Amino acid sequence: MFETLIILFIILWALGLVTSYTLGGFIHVLLVLALILLVLRLAQGKRV
């Protein structure tokens, strides 16, 4: 689930940069959320 959220946030962030429509910095918040989720995922490790 984390991977899906990370990918979704990064795609939305990139789309916001391409279209120059940032909603007052909301797109950058998505990037920060994606990075936080990525760090959490790496810290937790792979669970079977």
PDB file of N, CA and C in Angstrom:
ATOM      1  N   MET A   1       0.818  -1.189   0.000  1.00  0.00           N
ATOM      2  CA  MET A   1       0.000   0.000   0.000  1.00  0.00           C
ATOM      3  C   MET A   1       0.868   1.262   0.000  1.00  0.00           C
ATOM      4  N   PHE A   2       1.963   1.244   0.763  1.00  0.00           N
ATOM      5  CA  PHE A   2       2.846   2.405   0.787  1.00  0.00           C
ATOM      6  C   PHE A   2       3.401   2.709  -0.595  1.00  0.00           C
ATOM      7  N   GLU A   3       3.767   1.654  -1.326  1.00  0.00           N
ATOM      8  CA  GLU A   3       4.333   1.869  -2.656  1.00  0.00           C
ATOM      9  C   GLU A   3       3.332   2.563  -3.573  1.00  0.00           C
ATOM     10  N   THR A   4       2.082   2.175  -3.484  1.00  0.00           N
ATOM     11  CA  THR A   4       1.041   2.776  -4.306  1.00  0.00           C
ATOM     12  C   THR A   4       0.876   4.257  -3.975  1.00  0.00           C
ATOM     13  N   LEU A   5       0.858   4.587  -2.680  1.00  0.00           N
ATOM     14  CA  LEU A   5       0.728   5.984  -2.275  1.00  0.00           C
ATOM     15  C   LEU A   5       1.943   6.800  -2.709  1.00  0.00           C
ATOM     16  N   ILE A   6       3.119   6.236  -2.572  1.00  0.00           N
ATOM     17  CA  ILE A   6       4.332   6.936  -2.975  1.00  0.00           C
ATOM     18  C   ILE A   6       4.286   7.239  -4.462  1.00  0.00           C
ATOM     19  N   ILE A   7       3.960   6.245  -5.260  1.00  0.00           N
ATOM     20  CA  ILE A   7       3.898   6.431  -6.712  1.00  0.00           C
ATOM     21  C   ILE A   7       2.827   7.450  -7.078  1.00  0.00           C
ATOM     22  N   LEU A   8       1.672   7.365  -6.445  1.00  0.00           N
ATOM     23  CA  LEU A   8       0.584   8.299  -6.723  1.00  0.00           C
ATOM     24  C   LEU A   8       0.984   9.734  -6.399  1.00  0.00           C
ATOM     25  N   PHE A   9       1.587   9.947  -5.224  1.00  0.00           N
ATOM     26  CA  PHE A   9       2.001  11.294  -4.836  1.00  0.00           C
ATOM     27  C   PHE A   9       3.065  11.840  -5.775  1.00  0.00           C
ATOM     28  N   ILE A  10       4.016  11.011  -6.168  1.00  0.00           N
ATOM     29  CA  ILE A  10       5.073  11.478  -7.067  1.00  0.00           C
ATOM     30  C   ILE A  10       4.506  11.818  -8.441  1.00  0.00           C
ATOM     31  N   ILE A  11       3.567  11.019  -8.940  1.00  0.00           N
ATOM     32  CA  ILE A  11       2.947  11.310 -10.238  1.00  0.00           C
ATOM     33  C   ILE A  11       2.157  12.612 -10.172  1.00  0.00           C
ATOM     34  N   LEU A  12       1.392  12.802  -9.113  1.00  0.00           N
ATOM     35  CA  LEU A  12       0.622  14.040  -8.965  1.00  0.00           C
ATOM     36  C   LEU A  12       1.544  15.247  -8.833  1.00  0.00           C
ATOM     37  N   TRP A  13       2.654  15.072  -8.111  1.00  0.00           N
ATOM     38  CA  TRP A  13       3.608  16.166  -7.971  1.00  0.00           C
ATOM     39  C   TRP A  13       4.224  16.527  -9.313  1.00  0.00           C
ATOM     40  N   ALA A  14       4.643  15.508 -10.075  1.00  0.00           N
ATOM     41  CA  ALA A  14       5.247  15.762 -11.387  1.00  0.00           C
ATOM     42  C   ALA A  14       4.226  16.410 -12.327  1.00  0.00           C
ATOM     43  N   LEU A  15       2.992  15.959 -12.277  1.00  0.00           N
ATOM     44  CA  LEU A  15       1.944  16.538 -13.107  1.00  0.00           C
ATOM     45  C   LEU A  15       1.729  18.009 -12.747  1.00  0.00           C
ATOM     46  N   GLY A  16       1.777  18.317 -11.478  1.00  0.00           N
ATOM     47  CA  GLY A  16       1.623  19.695 -11.039  1.00  0.00           C
ATOM     48  C   GLY A  16       2.768  20.579 -11.511  1.00  0.00           C
ATOM     49  N   LEU A  17       3.976  20.044 -11.536  1.00  0.00           N
ATOM     50  CA  LEU A  17       5.112  20.821 -12.022  1.00  0.00           C
ATOM     51  C   LEU A  17       5.009  21.067 -13.517  1.00  0.00           C
ATOM     52  N   VAL A  18       4.560  20.058 -14.259  1.00  0.00           N
ATOM     53  CA  VAL A  18       4.455  20.183 -15.714  1.00  0.00           C
ATOM     54  C   VAL A  18       3.379  21.186 -16.099  1.00  0.00           C
ATOM     55  N   THR A  19       2.263  21.158 -15.383  1.00  0.00           N
ATOM     56  CA  THR A  19       1.151  22.047 -15.725  1.00  0.00           C
ATOM     57  C   THR A  19       1.261  23.409 -15.056  1.00  0.00           C
ATOM     58  N   SER A  20       2.246  23.582 -14.182  1.00  0.00           N
ATOM     59  CA  SER A  20       2.439  24.841 -13.444  1.00  0.00           C
ATOM     60  C   SER A  20       1.201  25.225 -12.634  1.00  0.00           C
ATOM     61  N   TYR A  21       0.488  24.247 -12.162  1.00  0.00           N
ATOM     62  CA  TYR A  21      -0.715  24.482 -11.356  1.00  0.00           C
ATOM     63  C   TYR A  21      -0.457  23.873  -9.981  1.00  0.00           C
ATOM     64  N   THR A  22      -0.033  24.691  -9.046  1.00  0.00           N
ATOM     65  CA  THR A  22       0.456  24.150  -7.776  1.00  0.00           C
ATOM     66  C   THR A  22      -0.524  24.271  -6.615  1.00  0.00           C
ATOM     67  N   LEU A  23      -1.636  24.920  -6.794  1.00  0.00           N
ATOM     68  CA  LEU A  23      -2.615  25.105  -5.720  1.00  0.00           C
ATOM     69  C   LEU A  23      -1.976  25.691  -4.467  1.00  0.00           C
ATOM     70  N   GLY A  24      -1.110  26.649  -4.658  1.00  0.00           N
ATOM     71  CA  GLY A  24      -0.492  27.311  -3.518  1.00  0.00           C
ATOM     72  C   GLY A  24       0.475  26.432  -2.754  1.00  0.00           C
ATOM     73  N   GLY A  25       1.221  25.618  -3.428  1.00  0.00           N
ATOM     74  CA  GLY A  25       2.218  24.783  -2.776  1.00  0.00           C
ATOM     75  C   GLY A  25       1.721  23.394  -2.424  1.00  0.00           C
ATOM     76  N   PHE A  26       0.484  23.069  -2.739  1.00  0.00           N
ATOM     77  CA  PHE A  26      -0.080  21.757  -2.409  1.00  0.00           C
ATOM     78  C   PHE A  26       0.708  20.642  -3.073  1.00  0.00           C
ATOM     79  N   ILE A  27       1.190  20.873  -4.281  1.00  0.00           N
ATOM     80  CA  ILE A  27       1.929  19.858  -5.006  1.00  0.00           C
ATOM     81  C   ILE A  27       3.222  19.522  -4.265  1.00  0.00           C
ATOM     82  N   HIS A  28       3.854  20.516  -3.680  1.00  0.00           N
ATOM     83  CA  HIS A  28       5.084  20.264  -2.943  1.00  0.00           C
ATOM     84  C   HIS A  28       4.795  19.512  -1.647  1.00  0.00           C
ATOM     85  N   VAL A  29       3.632  19.707  -1.081  1.00  0.00           N
ATOM     86  CA  VAL A  29       3.223  18.934   0.090  1.00  0.00           C
ATOM     87  C   VAL A  29       3.084  17.466  -0.295  1.00  0.00           C
ATOM     88  N   LEU A  30       2.562  17.194  -1.489  1.00  0.00           N
ATOM     89  CA  LEU A  30       2.463  15.811  -1.956  1.00  0.00           C
ATOM     90  C   LEU A  30       3.841  15.164  -2.074  1.00  0.00           C
ATOM     91  N   LEU A  31       4.811  15.923  -2.554  1.00  0.00           N
ATOM     92  CA  LEU A  31       6.167  15.390  -2.658  1.00  0.00           C
ATOM     93  C   LEU A  31       6.729  15.066  -1.280  1.00  0.00           C
ATOM     94  N   VAL A  32       6.523  15.946  -0.336  1.00  0.00           N
ATOM     95  CA  VAL A  32       7.011  15.710   1.022  1.00  0.00           C
ATOM     96  C   VAL A  32       6.334  14.477   1.615  1.00  0.00           C
ATOM     97  N   LEU A  33       5.035  14.324   1.410  1.00  0.00           N
ATOM     98  CA  LEU A  33       4.325  13.141   1.892  1.00  0.00           C
ATOM     99  C   LEU A  33       4.876  11.870   1.262  1.00  0.00           C
ATOM    100  N   ALA A  34       5.154  11.917  -0.039  1.00  0.00           N
ATOM    101  CA  ALA A  34       5.707  10.754  -0.725  1.00  0.00           C
ATOM    102  C   ALA A  34       7.073  10.395  -0.149  1.00  0.00           C
ATOM    103  N   LEU A  35       7.882  11.389   0.116  1.00  0.00           N
ATOM    104  CA  LEU A  35       9.204  11.116   0.686  1.00  0.00           C
ATOM    105  C   LEU A  35       9.105  10.559   2.102  1.00  0.00           C
ATOM    106  N   ILE A  36       8.181  11.080   2.885  1.00  0.00           N
ATOM    107  CA  ILE A  36       7.986  10.569   4.242  1.00  0.00           C
ATOM    108  C   ILE A  36       7.526   9.119   4.201  1.00  0.00           C
ATOM    109  N   LEU A  37       6.575   8.813   3.317  1.00  0.00           N
ATOM    110  CA  LEU A  37       6.116   7.436   3.186  1.00  0.00           C
ATOM    111  C   LEU A  37       7.239   6.516   2.726  1.00  0.00           C
ATOM    112  N   LEU A  38       8.079   6.991   1.834  1.00  0.00           N
ATOM    113  CA  LEU A  38       9.205   6.190   1.361  1.00  0.00           C
ATOM    114  C   LEU A  38      10.172   5.897   2.506  1.00  0.00           C
ATOM    115  N   VAL A  39      10.473   6.897   3.311  1.00  0.00           N
ATOM    116  CA  VAL A  39      11.371   6.700   4.448  1.00  0.00           C
ATOM    117  C   VAL A  39      10.758   5.724   5.450  1.00  0.00           C
ATOM    118  N   LEU A  40       9.471   5.866   5.720  1.00  0.00           N
ATOM    119  CA  LEU A  40       8.802   4.937   6.633  1.00  0.00           C
ATOM    120  C   LEU A  40       8.853   3.509   6.103  1.00  0.00           C
ATOM    121  N   ARG A  41       8.632   3.363   4.816  1.00  0.00           N
ATOM    122  CA  ARG A  41       8.651   2.034   4.191  1.00  0.00           C
ATOM    123  C   ARG A  41      10.036   1.415   4.299  1.00  0.00           C
ATOM    124  N   LEU A  42      11.061   2.209   4.052  1.00  0.00           N
ATOM    125  CA  LEU A  42      12.425   1.701   4.149  1.00  0.00           C
ATOM    126  C   LEU A  42      12.799   1.365   5.599  1.00  0.00           C
ATOM    127  N   ALA A  43      12.305   2.167   6.541  1.00  0.00           N
ATOM    128  CA  ALA A  43      12.600   1.928   7.951  1.00  0.00           C
ATOM    129  C   ALA A  43      11.929   0.664   8.465  1.00  0.00           C
ATOM    130  N   GLN A  44      10.734   0.368   7.957  1.00  0.00           N
ATOM    131  CA  GLN A  44      10.005  -0.810   8.402  1.00  0.00           C
ATOM    132  C   GLN A  44      10.594  -2.080   7.822  1.00  0.00           C
ATOM    133  N   GLY A  45      11.178  -1.995   6.652  1.00  0.00           N
ATOM    134  CA  GLY A  45      11.728  -3.184   6.029  1.00  0.00           C
ATOM    135  C   GLY A  45      10.652  -3.972   5.302  1.00  0.00           C
ATOM    136  N   LYS A  46      11.077  -4.986   4.588  1.00  0.00           N
ATOM    137  CA  LYS A  46      10.138  -5.805   3.807  1.00  0.00           C
ATOM    138  C   LYS A  46       9.536  -6.879   4.711  1.00  0.00           C
ATOM    139  N   ARG A  47       8.209  -6.893   4.785  1.00  0.00           N
ATOM    140  CA  ARG A  47       7.511  -7.908   5.580  1.00  0.00           C
ATOM    141  C   ARG A  47       6.843  -8.897   4.641  1.00  0.00           C
ATOM    142  N   VAL A  48       6.858 -10.135   5.051  1.00  0.00           N
ATOM    143  CA  VAL A  48       6.270 -11.190   4.224  1.00  0.00           C
ATOM    144  C   VAL A  48       4.807 -11.358   4.578  1.00  0.00           C
TER     145      VAL A  48
END
